[in-house]
Amino acid sequence: MTQVAAANGEGVDVTGRVAVVTGASQGIGASIARVLHGAGMSVALLARSADKLGDLARSLGDDCITVPCDVSDPDQVRVAFAAVEARFGRVDVLVNNAGLIGLSLLGDADDDFIAAHVGVNLLGPMYCSRAAIPLMLAAGGGDIVNISSRSVDLARPYLSVYSATKGGLETLSRTLAAELRPQGIRVCALRVGPTASEPSVAAADSDMASVTEDWVARGGPPPETPAPAESVADAVLFVVSRPPSWRVPVLHLEP
């Protein structure tokens, strides 16, 4: 029996539950998938890169499927969750991890830059949560974990677009929690600081040295030593293995 120790009692057994992890092809998402699968859960891996998903699935073995999907496309999300339902028949956990982070002053950001961030970081979790809710209700409840960022509380240069999408994600988390609590679905915003594996960085950020120098000149703090991606994965497992009487609306994870 797989259990996770808690500060107040033991975590519940998660063996046999079904988790959907977006942005699972690498980095934080891959770590989350490994940890949840290692805890006994079946895992559906969603990301745009079919090749990377296949590599991860082969390393995990049984009780794992790959579903290539761009979460910013509602039609692809519908197809993806139909595939999850066909394979597993239910969803118990959704981790909205897929993310795009690009550094740009708002005045320099073009339409594609803004649309891409809003599409992946905010619309994606909306589309995926909408698709997962009926499958969670059929399973008798579940957990939605939205991977947010400490940047929502920090006014930092070059992160206006990214921070705005994560701020919207946390508002979505709070309101969705109120909507779904009577149905036994919990929603957590997991707010993380710098990690050793960040979301995809926009191509416009090629000269990171000059961006970082200007960032600091504009009042931003110097770069911090990142925490390992596995720490985020462990936090996700902690949240979804809490007893039914627990709710974790927001969890801060600092390096």
Foldseek 3Di string as FASTA:
>chain_A
DFWDCDPPGIFAQPAAAEEEFEPLLDFLNVLLQQLSVVSHYQYEYEEQDPVSQVVSDVVSDPSYYYQYAQLLDLVSLLVSLVVVCVVRVAHAEYELDAAEFEFDAPVPDDPVRLSSRLSNLASSVVSNCVSRVVRQLVVQEHEYEYEAEPCCVPDFHRGPSNNVSRVNVLVVQVVVQVVCVVSHYAYAYEYEYAAPGDHHYDPVCPPVVVSQVVRVVVPHDHDDDHHYSNVVSVVVVVQRRHPSVDHHHYHYYYD
